[in-house]
Amino acid sequence: MKGLQGLAWLLVFQSIGEVLSRGLSLPFPGPVLGMMLMLVGLRFQVVREPVAECAGFLLTHLSLLFVPVGVGVMTHLALLSQYGGRMLIIIALSTWIGLGVTALVLWWPDRKSEPRNEP
């Protein structure tokens, strides 16, 4: 039963985020706002426990969530053959850029905390 309550909480936060995004014409997608609201809501046990149970269930069945993506790829094979090489290059570049930025963000505070040995 808690799993269904957790799913309800997820949908409530996503719906609130969507309403805020569209109602206030914010430049953020509704699910992103809902996720930020849920981050605040997870501080409360009444939200945290059901969402944790629902998240555990979804993670155990994660492979099923890729079936619609696989069907979508199969229905658009012509586009994949036309733009597949470009998409592969863009995905590889964006992955390397993301890794580089993450490394810099993790390295920067560590560099400032090291004492300098200046004469």
PDB file of N, CA and C in Angstrom:
ATOM      1  N   MET A   1       0.819  -1.206   0.000  1.00  0.00           N
ATOM      2  CA  MET A   1       0.000   0.000   0.000  1.00  0.00           C
ATOM      3  C   MET A   1       0.857   1.262   0.000  1.00  0.00           C
ATOM      4  N   LYS A   2       2.003   1.189   0.699  1.00  0.00           N
ATOM      5  CA  LYS A   2       2.863   2.368   0.742  1.00  0.00           C
ATOM      6  C   LYS A   2       3.448   2.674  -0.631  1.00  0.00           C
ATOM      7  N   GLY A   3       3.642   1.629  -1.442  1.00  0.00           N
ATOM      8  CA  GLY A   3       4.157   1.852  -2.789  1.00  0.00           C
ATOM      9  C   GLY A   3       3.214   2.705  -3.618  1.00  0.00           C
ATOM     10  N   LEU A   4       1.914   2.455  -3.473  1.00  0.00           N
ATOM     11  CA  LEU A   4       0.924   3.266  -4.188  1.00  0.00           C
ATOM     12  C   LEU A   4       0.875   4.686  -3.638  1.00  0.00           C
ATOM     13  N   GLN A   5       1.051   4.816  -2.339  1.00  0.00           N
ATOM     14  CA  GLN A   5       1.105   6.157  -1.760  1.00  0.00           C
ATOM     15  C   GLN A   5       2.335   6.908  -2.268  1.00  0.00           C
ATOM     16  N   GLY A   6       3.449   6.193  -2.414  1.00  0.00           N
ATOM     17  CA  GLY A   6       4.659   6.817  -2.945  1.00  0.00           C
ATOM     18  C   GLY A   6       4.464   7.266  -4.383  1.00  0.00           C
ATOM     19  N   LEU A   7       3.797   6.427  -5.196  1.00  0.00           N
ATOM     20  CA  LEU A   7       3.513   6.815  -6.571  1.00  0.00           C
ATOM     21  C   LEU A   7       2.587   8.024  -6.604  1.00  0.00           C
ATOM     22  N   ALA A   8       1.630   8.051  -5.686  1.00  0.00           N
ATOM     23  CA  ALA A   8       0.735   9.207  -5.608  1.00  0.00           C
ATOM     24  C   ALA A   8       1.515  10.470  -5.261  1.00  0.00           C
ATOM     25  N   TRP A   9       2.464  10.363  -4.321  1.00  0.00           N
ATOM     26  CA  TRP A   9       3.285  11.525  -3.971  1.00  0.00           C
ATOM     27  C   TRP A   9       4.094  12.004  -5.172  1.00  0.00           C
ATOM     28  N   LEU A  10       4.674  11.050  -5.911  1.00  0.00           N
ATOM     29  CA  LEU A  10       5.438  11.424  -7.099  1.00  0.00           C
ATOM     30  C   LEU A  10       4.564  12.179  -8.101  1.00  0.00           C
ATOM     31  N   LEU A  11       3.366  11.669  -8.320  1.00  0.00           N
ATOM     32  CA  LEU A  11       2.459  12.325  -9.269  1.00  0.00           C
ATOM     33  C   LEU A  11       1.975  13.678  -8.765  1.00  0.00           C
ATOM     34  N   VAL A  12       1.768  13.791  -7.458  1.00  0.00           N
ATOM     35  CA  VAL A  12       1.330  15.071  -6.876  1.00  0.00           C
ATOM     36  C   VAL A  12       2.408  16.128  -7.072  1.00  0.00           C
ATOM     37  N   PHE A  13       3.652  15.780  -6.761  1.00  0.00           N
ATOM     38  CA  PHE A  13       4.738  16.754  -6.916  1.00  0.00           C
ATOM     39  C   PHE A  13       4.948  17.127  -8.383  1.00  0.00           C
ATOM     40  N   GLN A  14       4.844  16.145  -9.272  1.00  0.00           N
ATOM     41  CA  GLN A  14       4.994  16.455 -10.692  1.00  0.00           C
ATOM     42  C   GLN A  14       3.854  17.349 -11.173  1.00  0.00           C
ATOM     43  N   SER A  15       2.651  17.088 -10.716  1.00  0.00           N
ATOM     44  CA  SER A  15       1.502  17.909 -11.120  1.00  0.00           C
ATOM     45  C   SER A  15       1.617  19.334 -10.595  1.00  0.00           C
ATOM     46  N   ILE A  16       2.045  19.477  -9.350  1.00  0.00           N
ATOM     47  CA  ILE A  16       2.229  20.820  -8.786  1.00  0.00           C
ATOM     48  C   ILE A  16       3.304  21.572  -9.571  1.00  0.00           C
ATOM     49  N   GLY A  17       4.385  20.881  -9.901  1.00  0.00           N
ATOM     50  CA  GLY A  17       5.435  21.509 -10.695  1.00  0.00           C
ATOM     51  C   GLY A  17       4.934  21.922 -12.064  1.00  0.00           C
ATOM     52  N   GLU A  18       4.113  21.089 -12.686  1.00  0.00           N
ATOM     53  CA  GLU A  18       3.563  21.416 -14.007  1.00  0.00           C
ATOM     54  C   GLU A  18       2.634  22.620 -13.923  1.00  0.00           C
ATOM     55  N   VAL A  19       1.808  22.661 -12.896  1.00  0.00           N
ATOM     56  CA  VAL A  19       0.891  23.796 -12.724  1.00  0.00           C
ATOM     57  C   VAL A  19       1.680  25.084 -12.501  1.00  0.00           C
ATOM     58  N   LEU A  20       2.714  25.018 -11.660  1.00  0.00           N
ATOM     59  CA  LEU A  20       3.530  26.208 -11.424  1.00  0.00           C
ATOM     60  C   LEU A  20       4.259  26.650 -12.692  1.00  0.00           C
ATOM     61  N   SER A  21       4.791  25.690 -13.416  1.00  0.00           N
ATOM     62  CA  SER A  21       5.542  26.018 -14.624  1.00  0.00           C
ATOM     63  C   SER A  21       4.663  26.674 -15.680  1.00  0.00           C
ATOM     64  N   ARG A  22       3.512  26.101 -15.899  1.00  0.00           N
ATOM     65  CA  ARG A  22       2.613  26.663 -16.923  1.00  0.00           C
ATOM     66  C   ARG A  22       1.887  27.908 -16.435  1.00  0.00           C
ATOM     67  N   GLY A  23       1.473  27.888 -15.179  1.00  0.00           N
ATOM     68  CA  GLY A  23       0.705  29.013 -14.642  1.00  0.00           C
ATOM     69  C   GLY A  23       1.518  30.279 -14.498  1.00  0.00           C
ATOM     70  N   LEU A  24       2.787  30.138 -14.126  1.00  0.00           N
ATOM     71  CA  LEU A  24       3.639  31.305 -13.927  1.00  0.00           C
ATOM     72  C   LEU A  24       4.555  31.555 -15.119  1.00  0.00           C
ATOM     73  N   SER A  25       4.416  30.766 -16.174  1.00  0.00           N
ATOM     74  CA  SER A  25       5.248  30.879 -17.386  1.00  0.00           C
ATOM     75  C   SER A  25       6.738  30.861 -17.039  1.00  0.00           C
ATOM     76  N   LEU A  26       7.111  29.898 -16.211  1.00  0.00           N
ATOM     77  CA  LEU A  26       8.506  29.771 -15.798  1.00  0.00           C
ATOM     78  C   LEU A  26       9.315  29.076 -16.889  1.00  0.00           C
ATOM     79  N   PRO A  27      10.606  29.349 -16.962  1.00  0.00           N
ATOM     80  CA  PRO A  27      11.428  28.732 -18.008  1.00  0.00           C
ATOM     81  C   PRO A  27      11.876  27.305 -17.672  1.00  0.00           C
ATOM     82  N   PHE A  28      11.358  26.722 -16.599  1.00  0.00           N
ATOM     83  CA  PHE A  28      11.726  25.363 -16.200  1.00  0.00           C
ATOM     84  C   PHE A  28      10.588  24.413 -16.520  1.00  0.00           C
ATOM     85  N   PRO A  29      10.921  23.171 -16.904  1.00  0.00           N
ATOM     86  CA  PRO A  29       9.863  22.183 -17.125  1.00  0.00           C
ATOM     87  C   PRO A  29       9.177  21.828 -15.808  1.00  0.00           C
ATOM     88  N   GLY A  30       7.921  21.478 -15.899  1.00  0.00           N
ATOM     89  CA  GLY A  30       7.154  21.126 -14.713  1.00  0.00           C
ATOM     90  C   GLY A  30       7.745  19.988 -13.902  1.00  0.00           C
ATOM     91  N   PRO A  31       8.191  18.896 -14.540  1.00  0.00           N
ATOM     92  CA  PRO A  31       8.771  17.816 -13.749  1.00  0.00           C
ATOM     93  C   PRO A  31      10.032  18.229 -12.979  1.00  0.00           C
ATOM     94  N   VAL A  32      10.788  19.177 -13.503  1.00  0.00           N
ATOM     95  CA  VAL A  32      11.984  19.640 -12.781  1.00  0.00           C
ATOM     96  C   VAL A  32      11.565  20.414 -11.535  1.00  0.00           C
ATOM     97  N   LEU A  33      10.573  21.269 -11.674  1.00  0.00           N
ATOM     98  CA  LEU A  33      10.066  21.986 -10.493  1.00  0.00           C
ATOM     99  C   LEU A  33       9.470  21.006  -9.484  1.00  0.00           C
ATOM    100  N   GLY A  34       8.754  20.008  -9.993  1.00  0.00           N
ATOM    101  CA  GLY A  34       8.190  18.993  -9.110  1.00  0.00           C
ATOM    102  C   GLY A  34       9.268  18.226  -8.363  1.00  0.00           C
ATOM    103  N   MET A  35      10.385  17.954  -9.039  1.00  0.00           N
ATOM    104  CA  MET A  35      11.480  17.255  -8.396  1.00  0.00           C
ATOM    105  C   MET A  35      12.107  18.118  -7.304  1.00  0.00           C
ATOM    106  N   MET A  36      12.216  19.427  -7.547  1.00  0.00           N
ATOM    107  CA  MET A  36      12.757  20.314  -6.509  1.00  0.00           C
ATOM    108  C   MET A  36      11.801  20.383  -5.316  1.00  0.00           C
ATOM    109  N   LEU A  37      10.509  20.407  -5.591  1.00  0.00           N
ATOM    110  CA  LEU A  37       9.541  20.399  -4.493  1.00  0.00           C
ATOM    111  C   LEU A  37       9.594  19.083  -3.722  1.00  0.00           C
ATOM    112  N   MET A  38       9.777  17.983  -4.458  1.00  0.00           N
ATOM    113  CA  MET A  38       9.856  16.687  -3.797  1.00  0.00           C
ATOM    114  C   MET A  38      11.101  16.604  -2.921  1.00  0.00           C
ATOM    115  N   LEU A  39      12.191  17.248  -3.342  1.00  0.00           N
ATOM    116  CA  LEU A  39      13.395  17.276  -2.524  1.00  0.00           C
ATOM    117  C   LEU A  39      13.104  17.899  -1.167  1.00  0.00           C
ATOM    118  N   VAL A  40      12.305  18.951  -1.167  1.00  0.00           N
ATOM    119  CA  VAL A  40      11.903  19.569   0.102  1.00  0.00           C
ATOM    120  C   VAL A  40      10.955  18.633   0.857  1.00  0.00           C
ATOM    121  N   GLY A  41      10.028  17.995   0.127  1.00  0.00           N
ATOM    122  CA  GLY A  41       9.062  17.102   0.759  1.00  0.00           C
ATOM    123  C   GLY A  41       9.698  15.861   1.372  1.00  0.00           C
ATOM    124  N   LEU A  42      10.842  15.436   0.852  1.00  0.00           N
ATOM    125  CA  LEU A  42      11.491  14.237   1.382  1.00  0.00           C
ATOM    126  C   LEU A  42      12.062  14.440   2.774  1.00  0.00           C
ATOM    127  N   ARG A  43      12.058  15.651   3.252  1.00  0.00           N
ATOM    128  CA  ARG A  43      12.496  15.904   4.631  1.00  0.00           C
ATOM    129  C   ARG A  43      11.475  15.381   5.636  1.00  0.00           C
ATOM    130  N   PHE A  44      10.254  15.130   5.173  1.00  0.00           N
ATOM    131  CA  PHE A  44       9.186  14.672   6.057  1.00  0.00           C
ATOM    132  C   PHE A  44       8.980  13.172   5.878  1.00  0.00           C
ATOM    133  N   GLN A  45       8.842  12.476   7.000  1.00  0.00           N
ATOM    134  CA  GLN A  45       8.738  11.021   6.980  1.00  0.00           C
ATOM    135  C   GLN A  45       7.476  10.550   6.274  1.00  0.00           C
ATOM    136  N   VAL A  46       6.415  11.319   6.329  1.00  0.00           N
ATOM    137  CA  VAL A  46       5.163  10.922   5.691  1.00  0.00           C
ATOM    138  C   VAL A  46       5.316  10.857   4.172  1.00  0.00           C
ATOM    139  N   VAL A  47       6.265  11.581   3.629  1.00  0.00           N
ATOM    140  CA  VAL A  47       6.552  11.539   2.191  1.00  0.00           C
ATOM    141  C   VAL A  47       7.705  10.573   1.916  1.00  0.00           C
ATOM    142  N   ARG A  48       8.723  10.610   2.752  1.00  0.00           N
ATOM    143  CA  ARG A  48       9.954   9.860   2.493  1.00  0.00           C
ATOM    144  C   ARG A  48       9.734   8.344   2.432  1.00  0.00           C
ATOM    145  N   GLU A  49       9.014   7.772   3.385  1.00  0.00           N
ATOM    146  CA  GLU A  49       8.859   6.317   3.433  1.00  0.00           C
ATOM    147  C   GLU A  49       8.094   5.760   2.233  1.00  0.00           C
ATOM    148  N   PRO A  50       6.932   6.305   1.882  1.00  0.00           N
ATOM    149  CA  PRO A  50       6.241   5.755   0.710  1.00  0.00           C
ATOM    150  C   PRO A  50       7.012   5.958  -0.593  1.00  0.00           C
ATOM    151  N   VAL A  51       7.682   7.108  -0.744  1.00  0.00           N
ATOM    152  CA  VAL A  51       8.444   7.361  -1.964  1.00  0.00           C
ATOM    153  C   VAL A  51       9.634   6.407  -2.041  1.00  0.00           C
ATOM    154  N   ALA A  52      10.256   6.094  -0.910  1.00  0.00           N
ATOM    155  CA  ALA A  52      11.376   5.146  -0.901  1.00  0.00           C
ATOM    156  C   ALA A  52      10.916   3.763  -1.337  1.00  0.00           C
ATOM    157  N   GLU A  53       9.761   3.338  -0.877  1.00  0.00           N
ATOM    158  CA  GLU A  53       9.250   2.026  -1.277  1.00  0.00           C
ATOM    159  C   GLU A  53       8.891   1.996  -2.760  1.00  0.00           C
ATOM    160  N   CYS A  54       8.280   3.054  -3.244  1.00  0.00           N
ATOM    161  CA  CYS A  54       7.943   3.143  -4.661  1.00  0.00           C
ATOM    162  C   CYS A  54       9.207   3.190  -5.516  1.00  0.00           C
ATOM    163  N   ALA A  55      10.207   3.935  -5.077  1.00  0.00           N
ATOM    164  CA  ALA A  55      11.469   4.021  -5.819  1.00  0.00           C
ATOM    165  C   ALA A  55      12.166   2.667  -5.862  1.00  0.00           C
ATOM    166  N   GLY A  56      12.133   1.929  -4.786  1.00  0.00           N
ATOM    167  CA  GLY A  56      12.716   0.592  -4.778  1.00  0.00           C
ATOM    168  C   GLY A  56      12.025  -0.327  -5.775  1.00  0.00           C
ATOM    169  N   PHE A  57      10.706  -0.259  -5.825  1.00  0.00           N
ATOM    170  CA  PHE A  57       9.959  -1.072  -6.785  1.00  0.00           C
ATOM    171  C   PHE A  57      10.307  -0.677  -8.222  1.00  0.00           C
ATOM    172  N   LEU A  58      10.340   0.614  -8.497  1.00  0.00           N
ATOM    173  CA  LEU A  58      10.662   1.075  -9.848  1.00  0.00           C
ATOM    174  C   LEU A  58      12.079   0.693 -10.251  1.00  0.00           C
ATOM    175  N   LEU A  59      13.014   0.740  -9.310  1.00  0.00           N
ATOM    176  CA  LEU A  59      14.391   0.372  -9.628  1.00  0.00           C
ATOM    177  C   LEU A  59      14.543  -1.121  -9.907  1.00  0.00           C
ATOM    178  N   THR A  60      13.759  -1.964  -9.224  1.00  0.00           N
ATOM    179  CA  THR A  60      13.846  -3.400  -9.490  1.00  0.00           C
ATOM    180  C   THR A  60      13.274  -3.750 -10.858  1.00  0.00           C
ATOM    181  N   HIS A  61      12.381  -2.938 -11.377  1.00  0.00           N
ATOM    182  CA  HIS A  61      11.763  -3.187 -12.679  1.00  0.00           C
ATOM    183  C   HIS A  61      12.197  -2.150 -13.718  1.00  0.00           C
ATOM    184  N   LEU A  62      13.397  -1.606 -13.557  1.00  0.00           N
ATOM    185  CA  LEU A  62      13.887  -0.545 -14.423  1.00  0.00           C
ATOM    186  C   LEU A  62      13.996  -0.981 -15.880  1.00  0.00           C
ATOM    187  N   SER A  63      14.336  -2.229 -16.111  1.00  0.00           N
ATOM    188  CA  SER A  63      14.497  -2.695 -17.491  1.00  0.00           C
ATOM    189  C   SER A  63      13.198  -2.604 -18.284  1.00  0.00           C
ATOM    190  N   LEU A  64      12.067  -2.736 -17.624  1.00  0.00           N
ATOM    191  CA  LEU A  64      10.782  -2.620 -18.328  1.00  0.00           C
ATOM    192  C   LEU A  64      10.522  -1.205 -18.836  1.00  0.00           C
ATOM    193  N   LEU A  65      11.142  -0.223 -18.188  1.00  0.00           N
ATOM    194  CA  LEU A  65      10.932   1.157 -18.605  1.00  0.00           C
ATOM    195  C   LEU A  65      11.650   1.479 -19.913  1.00  0.00           C
ATOM    196  N   PHE A  66      12.577   0.613 -20.346  1.00  0.00           N
ATOM    197  CA  PHE A  66      13.290   0.829 -21.601  1.00  0.00           C
ATOM    198  C   PHE A  66      12.565   0.231 -22.804  1.00  0.00           C
ATOM    199  N   VAL A  67      11.518  -0.531 -22.594  1.00  0.00           N
ATOM    200  CA  VAL A  67      10.788  -1.141 -23.709  1.00  0.00           C
ATOM    201  C   VAL A  67      10.194  -0.080 -24.640  1.00  0.00           C
ATOM    202  N   PRO A  68       9.528   0.973 -24.148  1.00  0.00           N
ATOM    203  CA  PRO A  68       9.000   1.987 -25.080  1.00  0.00           C
ATOM    204  C   PRO A  68      10.094   2.686 -25.879  1.00  0.00           C
ATOM    205  N   VAL A  69      11.257   2.884 -25.291  1.00  0.00           N
ATOM    206  CA  VAL A  69      12.364   3.508 -26.011  1.00  0.00           C
ATOM    207  C   VAL A  69      12.821   2.595 -27.144  1.00  0.00           C
ATOM    208  N   GLY A  70      12.934   1.306 -26.864  1.00  0.00           N
ATOM    209  CA  GLY A  70      13.332   0.351 -27.894  1.00  0.00           C
ATOM    210  C   GLY A  70      12.331   0.290 -29.032  1.00  0.00           C
ATOM    211  N   VAL A  71      11.051   0.348 -28.716  1.00  0.00           N
ATOM    212  CA  VAL A  71      10.023   0.352 -29.754  1.00  0.00           C
ATOM    213  C   VAL A  71      10.110   1.628 -30.576  1.00  0.00           C
ATOM    214  N   GLY A  72      10.359   2.745 -29.928  1.00  0.00           N
ATOM    215  CA  GLY A  72      10.497   4.010 -30.652  1.00  0.00           C
ATOM    216  C   GLY A  72      11.677   4.002 -31.599  1.00  0.00           C
ATOM    217  N   VAL A  73      12.778   3.411 -31.176  1.00  0.00           N
ATOM    218  CA  VAL A  73      13.952   3.320 -32.052  1.00  0.00           C
ATOM    219  C   VAL A  73      13.637   2.428 -33.243  1.00  0.00           C
ATOM    220  N   MET A  74      12.951   1.327 -33.009  1.00  0.00           N
ATOM    221  CA  MET A  74      12.625   0.406 -34.106  1.00  0.00           C
ATOM    222  C   MET A  74      11.683   1.044 -35.118  1.00  0.00           C
ATOM    223  N   THR A  75      10.792   1.906 -34.672  1.00  0.00           N
ATOM    224  CA  THR A  75       9.857   2.534 -35.615  1.00  0.00           C
ATOM    225  C   THR A  75      10.504   3.659 -36.411  1.00  0.00           C
ATOM    226  N   HIS A  76      11.639   4.166 -35.957  1.00  0.00           N
ATOM    227  CA  HIS A  76      12.319   5.266 -36.651  1.00  0.00           C
ATOM    228  C   HIS A  76      13.718   4.863 -37.117  1.00  0.00           C
ATOM    229  N   LEU A  77      13.859   3.651 -37.623  1.00  0.00           N
ATOM    230  CA  LEU A  77      15.170   3.188 -38.081  1.00  0.00           C
ATOM    231  C   LEU A  77      15.697   4.002 -39.253  1.00  0.00           C
ATOM    232  N   ALA A  78      14.802   4.522 -40.096  1.00  0.00           N
ATOM    233  CA  ALA A  78      15.260   5.338 -41.224  1.00  0.00           C
ATOM    234  C   ALA A  78      15.957   6.601 -40.724  1.00  0.00           C
ATOM    235  N   LEU A  79      15.388   7.242 -39.718  1.00  0.00           N
ATOM    236  CA  LEU A  79      16.034   8.427 -39.146  1.00  0.00           C
ATOM    237  C   LEU A  79      17.350   8.074 -38.471  1.00  0.00           C
ATOM    238  N   LEU A  80      17.371   6.917 -37.824  1.00  0.00           N
ATOM    239  CA  LEU A  80      18.600   6.491 -37.155  1.00  0.00           C
ATOM    240  C   LEU A  80      19.705   6.225 -38.169  1.00  0.00           C
ATOM    241  N   SER A  81      19.352   5.623 -39.303  1.00  0.00           N
ATOM    242  CA  SER A  81      20.377   5.379 -40.306  1.00  0.00           C
ATOM    243  C   SER A  81      20.841   6.684 -40.961  1.00  0.00           C
ATOM    244  N   GLN A  82      19.965   7.662 -41.017  1.00  0.00           N
ATOM    245  CA  GLN A  82      20.325   8.948 -41.635  1.00  0.00           C
ATOM    246  C   GLN A  82      21.160   9.819 -40.691  1.00  0.00           C
ATOM    247  N   TYR A  83      20.764   9.885 -39.438  1.00  0.00           N
ATOM    248  CA  TYR A  83      21.418  10.782 -38.483  1.00  0.00           C
ATOM    249  C   TYR A  83      22.193  10.043 -37.385  1.00  0.00           C
ATOM    250  N   GLY A  84      22.313   8.735 -37.464  1.00  0.00           N
ATOM    251  CA  GLY A  84      22.932   7.945 -36.392  1.00  0.00           C
ATOM    252  C   GLY A  84      24.365   8.334 -36.094  1.00  0.00           C
ATOM    253  N   GLY A  85      25.170   8.550 -37.153  1.00  0.00           N
ATOM    254  CA  GLY A  85      26.568   8.933 -36.932  1.00  0.00           C
ATOM    255  C   GLY A  85      26.693  10.263 -36.230  1.00  0.00           C
ATOM    256  N   ARG A  86      25.883  11.226 -36.656  1.00  0.00           N
ATOM    257  CA  ARG A  86      25.916  12.549 -36.015  1.00  0.00           C
ATOM    258  C   ARG A  86      25.473  12.459 -34.559  1.00  0.00           C
ATOM    259  N   MET A  87      24.427  11.656 -34.320  1.00  0.00           N
ATOM    260  CA  MET A  87      23.941  11.499 -32.953  1.00  0.00           C
ATOM    261  C   MET A  87      25.004  10.854 -32.064  1.00  0.00           C
ATOM    262  N   LEU A  88      25.718   9.866 -32.605  1.00  0.00           N
ATOM    263  CA  LEU A  88      26.758   9.200 -31.840  1.00  0.00           C
ATOM    264  C   LEU A  88      27.881  10.174 -31.476  1.00  0.00           C
ATOM    265  N   ILE A  89      28.257  11.026 -32.426  1.00  0.00           N
ATOM    266  CA  ILE A  89      29.303  12.023 -32.162  1.00  0.00           C
ATOM    267  C   ILE A  89      28.841  13.014 -31.094  1.00  0.00           C
ATOM    268  N   ILE A  90      27.620  13.501 -31.209  1.00  0.00           N
ATOM    269  CA  ILE A  90      27.090  14.461 -30.235  1.00  0.00           C
ATOM    270  C   ILE A  90      26.992  13.836 -28.845  1.00  0.00           C
ATOM    271  N   ILE A  91      26.526  12.590 -28.782  1.00  0.00           N
ATOM    272  CA  ILE A  91      26.414  11.923 -27.482  1.00  0.00           C
ATOM    273  C   ILE A  91      27.795  11.745 -26.859  1.00  0.00           C
ATOM    274  N   ALA A  92      28.774  11.329 -27.666  1.00  0.00           N
ATOM    275  CA  ALA A  92      30.126  11.140 -27.140  1.00  0.00           C
ATOM    276  C   ALA A  92      30.722  12.466 -26.667  1.00  0.00           C
ATOM    277  N   LEU A  93      30.574  13.524 -27.483  1.00  0.00           N
ATOM    278  CA  LEU A  93      31.110  14.836 -27.089  1.00  0.00           C
ATOM    279  C   LEU A  93      30.456  15.371 -25.824  1.00  0.00           C
ATOM    280  N   SER A  94      29.138  15.268 -25.760  1.00  0.00           N
ATOM    281  CA  SER A  94      28.453  15.803 -24.575  1.00  0.00           C
ATOM    282  C   SER A  94      28.806  15.004 -23.331  1.00  0.00           C
ATOM    283  N   THR A  95      29.037  13.703 -23.482  1.00  0.00           N
ATOM    284  CA  THR A  95      29.459  12.895 -22.344  1.00  0.00           C
ATOM    285  C   THR A  95      30.836  13.332 -21.861  1.00  0.00           C
ATOM    286  N   TRP A  96      31.775  13.531 -22.783  1.00  0.00           N
ATOM    287  CA  TRP A  96      33.118  13.967 -22.400  1.00  0.00           C
ATOM    288  C   TRP A  96      33.102  15.367 -21.788  1.00  0.00           C
ATOM    289  N   ILE A  97      32.285  16.249 -22.328  1.00  0.00           N
ATOM    290  CA  ILE A  97      32.181  17.598 -21.754  1.00  0.00           C
ATOM    291  C   ILE A  97      31.609  17.530 -20.342  1.00  0.00           C
ATOM    292  N   GLY A  98      30.576  16.704 -20.161  1.00  0.00           N
ATOM    293  CA  GLY A  98      29.997  16.539 -18.821  1.00  0.00           C
ATOM    294  C   GLY A  98      30.985  15.965 -17.831  1.00  0.00           C
ATOM    295  N   LEU A  99      31.766  14.987 -18.263  1.00  0.00           N
ATOM    296  CA  LEU A  99      32.794  14.424 -17.390  1.00  0.00           C
ATOM    297  C   LEU A  99      33.859  15.458 -17.044  1.00  0.00           C
ATOM    298  N   GLY A 100      34.246  16.255 -18.036  1.00  0.00           N
ATOM    299  CA  GLY A 100      35.249  17.288 -17.791  1.00  0.00           C
ATOM    300  C   GLY A 100      34.772  18.345 -16.813  1.00  0.00           C
ATOM    301  N   VAL A 101      33.542  18.802 -16.990  1.00  0.00           N
ATOM    302  CA  VAL A 101      32.986  19.811 -16.088  1.00  0.00           C
ATOM    303  C   VAL A 101      32.853  19.241 -14.672  1.00  0.00           C
ATOM    304  N   THR A 102      32.419  17.997 -14.566  1.00  0.00           N
ATOM    305  CA  THR A 102      32.307  17.369 -13.248  1.00  0.00           C
ATOM    306  C   THR A 102      33.666  17.268 -12.578  1.00  0.00           C
ATOM    307  N   ALA A 103      34.688  16.875 -13.345  1.00  0.00           N
ATOM    308  CA  ALA A 103      36.038  16.781 -12.779  1.00  0.00           C
ATOM    309  C   ALA A 103      36.530  18.147 -12.312  1.00  0.00           C
ATOM    310  N   LEU A 104      36.273  19.192 -13.104  1.00  0.00           N
ATOM    311  CA  LEU A 104      36.689  20.535 -12.703  1.00  0.00           C
ATOM    312  C   LEU A 104      35.962  21.000 -11.453  1.00  0.00           C
ATOM    313  N   VAL A 105      34.673  20.715 -11.374  1.00  0.00           N
ATOM    314  CA  VAL A 105      33.895  21.129 -10.199  1.00  0.00           C
ATOM    315  C   VAL A 105      34.392  20.409  -8.951  1.00  0.00           C
ATOM    316  N   LEU A 106      34.758  19.147  -9.082  1.00  0.00           N
ATOM    317  CA  LEU A 106      35.270  18.418  -7.927  1.00  0.00           C
ATOM    318  C   LEU A 106      36.702  18.817  -7.584  1.00  0.00           C
ATOM    319  N   TRP A 107      37.489  19.207  -8.577  1.00  0.00           N
ATOM    320  CA  TRP A 107      38.883  19.561  -8.356  1.00  0.00           C
ATOM    321  C   TRP A 107      39.031  20.966  -7.779  1.00  0.00           C
ATOM    322  N   TRP A 108      38.176  21.901  -8.180  1.00  0.00           N
ATOM    323  CA  TRP A 108      38.329  23.314  -7.814  1.00  0.00           C
ATOM    324  C   TRP A 108      38.336  23.557  -6.303  1.00  0.00           C
ATOM    325  N   PRO A 109      37.355  23.064  -5.536  1.00  0.00           N
ATOM    326  CA  PRO A 109      37.400  23.321  -4.085  1.00  0.00           C
ATOM    327  C   PRO A 109      38.600  22.650  -3.418  1.00  0.00           C
ATOM    328  N   ASP A 110      39.013  21.490  -3.920  1.00  0.00           N
ATOM    329  CA  ASP A 110      40.153  20.789  -3.340  1.00  0.00           C
ATOM    330  C   ASP A 110      41.440  21.577  -3.550  1.00  0.00           C
ATOM    331  N   ARG A 111      41.565  22.234  -4.696  1.00  0.00           N
ATOM    332  CA  ARG A 111      42.750  23.026  -5.008  1.00  0.00           C
ATOM    333  C   ARG A 111      42.857  24.226  -4.075  1.00  0.00           C
ATOM    334  N   LYS A 112      41.728  24.833  -3.743  1.00  0.00           N
ATOM    335  CA  LYS A 112      41.756  26.011  -2.870  1.00  0.00           C
ATOM    336  C   LYS A 112      42.079  25.647  -1.427  1.00  0.00           C
ATOM    337  N   SER A 113      41.752  24.424  -0.995  1.00  0.00           N
ATOM    338  CA  SER A 113      41.966  24.051   0.405  1.00  0.00           C
ATOM    339  C   SER A 113      43.400  23.608   0.675  1.00  0.00           C
ATOM    340  N   GLU A 114      44.182  23.309  -0.383  1.00  0.00           N
ATOM    341  CA  GLU A 114      45.570  22.897  -0.186  1.00  0.00           C
ATOM    342  C   GLU A 114      46.421  24.104   0.204  1.00  0.00           C
ATOM    343  N   PRO A 115      47.273  23.942   1.229  1.00  0.00           N
ATOM    344  CA  PRO A 115      48.167  25.067   1.589  1.00  0.00           C
ATOM    345  C   PRO A 115      49.256  25.219   0.537  1.00  0.00           C
ATOM    346  N   ARG A 116      49.589  26.466   0.253  1.00  0.00           N
ATOM    347  CA  ARG A 116      50.607  26.759  -0.757  1.00  0.00           C
ATOM    348  C   ARG A 116      51.972  26.877  -0.077  1.00  0.00           C
ATOM    349  N   ASN A 117      52.955  26.299  -0.701  1.00  0.00           N
ATOM    350  CA  ASN A 117      54.332  26.381  -0.187  1.00  0.00           C
ATOM    351  C   ASN A 117      55.090  27.433  -0.973  1.00  0.00           C
ATOM    352  N   GLU A 118      54.880  28.667  -0.608  1.00  0.00           N
ATOM    353  CA  GLU A 118      55.560  29.773  -1.281  1.00  0.00           C
ATOM    354  C   GLU A 118      56.749  30.203  -0.447  1.00  0.00           C
ATOM    355  N   PRO A 119      57.887  30.506  -1.104  1.00  0.00           N
ATOM    356  CA  PRO A 119      59.088  30.931  -0.332  1.00  0.00           C
ATOM    357  C   PRO A 119      58.951  32.295   0.269  1.00  0.00           C
TER     358      PRO A 119
END
